[in-house]
Protein backbone atom coordinates (compact mmCIF):
# COMPACT_ATOMS: atom_id res chain seq x y z
CA MET A 1 10.13 -100.41 34.12
CA THR A 2 7.81 -98.66 36.36
CA THR A 3 8.34 -98.51 39.78
CA ARG A 4 5.26 -99.38 42.16
CA ARG A 5 4.81 -96.61 44.60
CA ASP A 6 4.35 -97.70 48.20
CA LEU A 7 0.86 -95.94 49.41
CA GLU A 8 1.59 -96.21 53.26
CA GLU A 9 4.91 -94.49 52.55
CA THR A 10 2.62 -91.77 50.47
CA LEU A 11 0.43 -91.25 53.15
CA ALA A 12 2.99 -90.99 55.72
CA LEU A 13 4.28 -88.19 53.70
CA LEU A 14 1.28 -86.36 53.55
CA TRP A 15 0.94 -86.75 57.27
CA ARG A 16 4.01 -85.61 58.05
CA THR A 17 4.43 -89.28 60.28
CA LYS A 18 7.70 -90.13 57.99
CA GLN A 19 10.92 -89.48 59.45
CA PRO A 20 13.76 -88.14 56.30
CA GLY A 21 16.33 -91.11 55.11
CA ARG A 22 19.80 -90.94 56.65
CA ARG A 23 21.43 -89.51 53.26
CA GLY A 24 22.67 -86.48 53.30
CA PRO A 25 23.01 -83.50 55.87
CA ARG A 26 20.65 -83.80 58.69
CA GLY A 27 18.13 -80.99 59.71
CA SER A 28 19.23 -78.95 56.27
CA LEU A 29 15.69 -78.90 55.22
CA THR A 30 12.02 -79.63 56.32
CA LEU A 31 9.16 -81.37 53.65
CA ASP A 32 7.65 -78.21 53.97
CA GLN A 33 10.23 -76.10 52.53
CA ILE A 34 10.56 -78.72 49.65
CA VAL A 35 7.18 -78.58 48.73
CA GLY A 36 6.50 -75.01 49.21
CA THR A 37 9.39 -73.91 47.00
CA ALA A 38 8.01 -76.81 44.28
CA ILE A 39 4.49 -74.89 44.37
CA ASP A 40 6.78 -71.59 43.96
CA ILE A 41 7.73 -73.12 40.78
CA ALA A 42 4.37 -74.30 39.86
CA ASN A 43 2.63 -70.91 40.17
CA ALA A 44 5.45 -69.14 38.03
CA GLU A 45 6.06 -72.06 35.34
CA GLY A 46 3.35 -74.51 35.70
CA VAL A 47 4.02 -78.20 36.61
CA ALA A 48 5.97 -78.70 33.48
CA GLY A 49 8.54 -76.57 35.10
CA VAL A 50 8.77 -78.38 38.15
CA SER A 51 11.76 -81.08 38.69
CA MET A 52 13.67 -82.08 41.81
CA ARG A 53 16.85 -80.38 40.26
CA LYS A 54 15.21 -77.24 39.97
CA VAL A 55 13.60 -77.68 43.65
CA ALA A 56 16.96 -78.31 45.02
CA GLU A 57 18.67 -75.45 43.03
CA ARG A 58 16.42 -73.01 44.53
CA LEU A 59 17.11 -74.36 48.01
CA GLY A 60 20.66 -74.80 47.34
CA VAL A 61 21.19 -78.26 48.17
CA THR A 62 21.93 -80.96 46.05
CA THR A 63 19.49 -83.14 43.96
CA MET A 64 19.97 -86.29 45.93
CA SER A 65 19.69 -84.43 49.25
CA LEU A 66 15.81 -84.31 48.48
CA TYR A 67 15.17 -87.85 48.07
CA ARG A 68 15.56 -87.72 51.99
CA TYR A 69 12.38 -86.41 51.88
CA VAL A 70 10.79 -87.24 49.28
CA PRO A 71 10.92 -90.59 47.06
CA GLY A 72 10.18 -89.05 43.93
CA LYS A 73 8.24 -86.30 41.70
CA ASP A 74 5.07 -88.15 41.78
CA ASP A 75 5.29 -87.96 45.72
CA LEU A 76 6.25 -84.31 45.31
CA LEU A 77 2.79 -83.61 43.07
CA ASP A 78 0.91 -85.20 45.59
CA LEU A 79 2.25 -83.31 48.46
CA MET A 80 1.84 -80.29 46.02
CA PHE A 81 -1.62 -80.76 45.69
CA ASP A 82 -2.63 -81.35 49.26
CA MET A 83 -0.38 -78.11 50.49
CA ALA A 84 -1.77 -76.04 47.55
CA ALA A 85 -5.48 -76.71 48.54
CA GLY A 86 -4.98 -75.43 51.83
CA LEU A 87 -8.09 -75.58 54.23
CA PRO A 88 -11.40 -74.66 53.26
CA ASP A 89 -12.86 -71.63 55.12
CA THR A 90 -16.37 -72.49 55.53
CA SER A 91 -17.24 -69.80 58.21
CA ASP A 92 -19.48 -67.83 55.76
CA TRP A 93 -21.24 -70.83 54.16
CA PRO A 94 -25.06 -70.71 54.24
CA SER A 95 -26.26 -73.29 56.96
CA ASP A 96 -28.72 -75.20 54.64
CA TRP A 97 -27.24 -78.34 52.58
CA ARG A 98 -28.00 -76.73 49.06
CA GLY A 99 -26.51 -73.30 50.11
CA ALA A 100 -23.32 -75.17 51.92
CA LEU A 101 -22.78 -77.41 48.67
CA ALA A 102 -22.85 -74.08 46.46
CA ALA A 103 -20.45 -72.50 48.57
CA TYR A 104 -18.31 -75.57 48.28
CA ALA A 105 -18.51 -75.76 44.37
CA ARG A 106 -17.34 -71.89 44.41
CA ALA A 107 -14.80 -72.29 46.72
CA MET A 108 -12.97 -75.03 44.96
CA ARG A 109 -13.61 -73.86 41.42
CA GLU A 110 -11.82 -70.33 42.93
CA LEU A 111 -9.07 -72.39 44.13
CA LEU A 112 -8.55 -74.23 41.02
CA ARG A 113 -8.68 -71.22 39.01
CA SER A 114 -6.25 -69.53 41.08
CA ARG A 115 -3.90 -72.03 40.69
CA SER A 116 -4.91 -74.13 37.31
CA TRP A 117 -1.41 -76.04 37.58
CA MET A 118 -3.44 -78.28 40.12
CA LEU A 119 -5.44 -79.55 37.06
CA ASP A 120 -2.22 -80.91 35.69
CA ILE A 121 -1.78 -83.28 38.27
CA PRO A 122 -2.67 -86.75 37.26
CA LEU A 123 -5.03 -88.33 40.18
CA ASN A 124 -3.18 -91.18 41.38
CA GLY A 125 -5.94 -92.30 43.65
CA PRO A 126 -8.71 -90.65 46.03
CA PRO A 127 -7.39 -87.69 48.25
CA MET A 128 -5.68 -89.18 51.45
CA GLY A 129 -3.89 -85.78 52.67
CA PRO A 130 -5.25 -83.59 55.45
CA ASN A 131 -6.28 -80.52 53.19
CA ASP A 132 -8.06 -82.97 50.68
CA LEU A 133 -9.67 -84.73 53.68
CA ALA A 134 -10.45 -81.13 55.32
CA TRP A 135 -12.38 -80.47 51.52
CA MET A 136 -14.05 -83.71 51.66
CA GLU A 137 -15.42 -83.14 55.26
CA ALA A 138 -16.39 -79.60 53.99
CA GLY A 139 -18.71 -80.95 51.19
CA LEU A 140 -19.94 -84.04 53.19
CA ALA A 141 -21.32 -82.53 56.13
CA PRO A 142 -24.05 -80.87 54.43
CA LEU A 143 -25.50 -84.01 53.42
CA ALA A 144 -24.75 -85.67 56.96
CA ASP A 145 -28.99 -84.99 57.66
CA GLY A 146 -30.37 -85.29 54.16
CA GLY A 147 -31.35 -89.04 54.43
CA LEU A 148 -29.02 -90.30 51.79
CA THR A 149 -26.99 -93.19 52.46
CA GLU A 150 -23.19 -93.20 53.10
CA GLY A 151 -22.75 -94.36 49.56
CA GLU A 152 -25.05 -92.03 48.29
CA MET A 153 -23.58 -89.15 50.06
CA VAL A 154 -20.23 -90.16 48.80
CA GLY A 155 -21.48 -90.33 45.16
CA VAL A 156 -23.24 -86.95 45.40
CA LEU A 157 -19.41 -85.56 46.33
CA MET A 158 -17.54 -87.07 43.40
CA LEU A 159 -20.47 -85.89 40.81
CA LEU A 160 -20.17 -82.33 42.45
CA THR A 161 -16.29 -82.09 42.55
CA GLY A 162 -16.04 -83.57 38.80
CA TYR A 163 -18.34 -81.21 37.53
CA VAL A 164 -16.23 -78.38 39.20
CA MET A 165 -12.95 -79.71 38.01
CA ASN A 166 -14.19 -80.49 34.61
CA GLU A 167 -15.89 -77.35 34.26
CA VAL A 168 -12.02 -75.28 35.25
CA ARG A 169 -10.21 -77.56 33.17
CA GLN A 170 -12.16 -76.44 30.06
CA GLU A 171 -12.20 -73.04 31.00
CA VAL A 172 -8.46 -72.85 31.58
CA SER A 173 -7.86 -75.17 28.30
CA MET A 174 -9.70 -72.59 25.95
CA THR A 175 -7.95 -69.73 27.35
CA ARG A 176 -4.81 -71.31 26.95
CA ALA A 177 -5.55 -71.93 23.76
CA ALA A 178 -6.73 -68.49 22.73
CA PRO A 179 -3.43 -66.90 21.39
CA GLN A 180 -3.28 -70.08 19.24
CA THR A 181 -6.99 -69.96 18.09
CA GLY A 182 -7.84 -66.42 18.32
CA VAL A 183 -11.07 -67.00 19.85
CA THR A 184 -11.89 -66.41 23.58
CA TYR A 185 -14.10 -68.22 25.81
CA GLU A 186 -17.05 -66.03 25.00
CA GLU A 187 -16.62 -66.08 21.17
CA TRP A 188 -16.68 -69.57 20.99
CA GLY A 189 -20.34 -70.44 20.85
CA ARG A 190 -20.77 -67.91 17.60
CA VAL A 191 -17.61 -69.41 16.12
CA TYR A 192 -18.36 -73.03 16.55
CA ASN A 193 -22.23 -72.81 15.35
CA ALA A 194 -20.78 -70.94 12.20
CA MET A 195 -18.19 -73.85 11.45
CA LEU A 196 -21.03 -76.77 12.37
CA ALA A 197 -23.37 -75.02 10.02
CA LYS A 198 -20.71 -75.90 6.98
CA VAL A 199 -20.51 -79.88 7.77
CA VAL A 200 -23.77 -80.67 9.15
CA ALA A 201 -26.04 -79.76 6.40
CA ASP A 202 -25.27 -83.52 4.81
CA GLY A 203 -28.36 -85.48 6.67
CA GLN A 204 -26.00 -87.55 8.63
CA HIS A 205 -26.72 -85.45 11.85
CA PRO A 206 -30.39 -84.40 11.63
CA THR A 207 -30.63 -83.36 15.40
CA LEU A 208 -27.24 -81.70 15.40
CA ALA A 209 -28.36 -79.80 12.20
CA ARG A 210 -31.62 -78.98 14.00
CA LEU A 211 -29.63 -77.15 16.83
CA VAL A 212 -27.14 -75.49 14.70
CA ALA A 213 -30.17 -74.02 12.24
CA ALA A 214 -31.81 -72.62 15.46
CA GLY A 215 -28.12 -71.09 16.51
CA ALA A 216 -28.32 -72.87 19.71
CA PHE A 217 -24.55 -72.80 20.43
CA GLU A 218 -24.23 -69.24 19.51
CA ASP A 219 -27.39 -68.00 22.15
CA ASP A 220 -25.01 -68.18 25.19
CA PRO A 221 -22.11 -65.37 25.17
CA ALA A 222 -22.23 -65.21 28.86
CA GLY A 223 -19.09 -66.50 29.72
CA PRO A 224 -17.78 -69.03 32.22
CA ASP A 225 -19.10 -67.75 35.43
CA ALA A 226 -22.69 -68.17 34.05
CA ASP A 227 -21.99 -71.10 32.60
CA PHE A 228 -20.38 -72.39 35.86
CA GLU A 229 -23.75 -71.55 37.63
CA TYR A 230 -26.23 -72.83 35.17
CA GLY A 231 -24.27 -76.33 35.47
CA LEU A 232 -24.33 -76.04 39.00
CA SER A 233 -28.05 -75.44 39.67
CA PHE A 234 -28.64 -78.31 37.31
CA LEU A 235 -26.56 -80.23 39.33
CA LEU A 236 -28.17 -79.19 42.35
CA ASP A 237 -31.83 -79.43 41.55
CA GLY A 238 -31.12 -83.33 40.82
CA ILE A 239 -29.36 -83.81 44.16
CA GLU A 240 -32.48 -82.09 45.71
CA ALA A 241 -34.86 -84.51 44.06
CA LEU A 242 -33.10 -87.26 45.37
CA VAL A 243 -32.87 -85.53 49.10
CA ARG A 244 -36.52 -85.03 48.76
CA GLU A 245 -37.16 -88.50 47.60
CA ARG A 246 -35.14 -89.91 50.58
CA ARG A 247 -36.96 -88.13 52.95
CA GLU A 248 -40.59 -88.88 51.57
CA ALA A 249 -39.62 -92.56 52.25
CA GLU A 250 -38.28 -92.00 55.66
CA ARG A 251 -41.56 -90.22 56.40
CA GLY A 252 -43.23 -93.42 54.41
CA ASP A 253 -45.47 -91.12 52.56
CA GLY A 254 -43.39 -91.19 48.85
CA PRO A 255 -43.56 -93.44 46.03
CA ASP A 256 -41.53 -96.14 47.55
CA ALA A 257 -44.08 -96.43 49.98
CA ALA A 258 -47.10 -96.42 48.10
CA ALA A 259 -45.74 -99.30 46.32
CA THR A 260 -45.14 -101.21 49.26
CA GLU A 261 -48.46 -100.63 50.41
CA THR A 262 -50.13 -101.90 47.29
CA GLY A 263 -47.91 -104.39 46.64
CA SER A 264 -46.97 -103.35 43.28
CA VAL A 265 -45.39 -100.55 41.20
CA GLN A 266 -47.65 -98.83 38.91
CA GLU A 267 -46.01 -98.64 35.31
């Protein structure tokens, strides 16, 4: 039977407004000590190595005493993610919105690459912790004067954050698999193209076969950094087009304004 989590309690834990329970010795631990110890374990062994028992052993207390502070491992993982995220350093970010969003994406990428175990923590809901919200603010602030609706601002941030997490997850997964596959990230394009060439010549995948014949998958051995920057630029181009459209509409000189004046939209 699955126990339903109390989201209000989770929020109180993240913001340190929840008082420890009565069980166990008072004042022997702090929530930050517990979470910090769990992060140390994750840094060394990954999320799979984190357990309430192991954290308790590191701190020299009983496992049951931890439950005065943290209801269970799911809450501990949420706390670990928020603490490990830290506060974004925006001091040297560019002042223009595009430059700031690029800096946001690169900073998040470096964080996740340095602590890749964060990607193994299940996302049980939207960000709620103080550090997570600080990252959200850092990503939303550059869009504040871009003419986007509030809903569009959230959508842009979700799209950009999802891109960063997906790219890092792919890089980490392929790097972790290299000892078993014998193929590095940079080598996969060439290997993949050669493997596909053996199975797509049957006429069932004509478009894919065309790409394989052209060597499309083996033409980019640049590595994860170049791949990330290419995708980021592509994504920012799309956001820029949306910002431009909204600003033109505000000025009344965009396609929407023209359509309104004529009473019709040209097909």
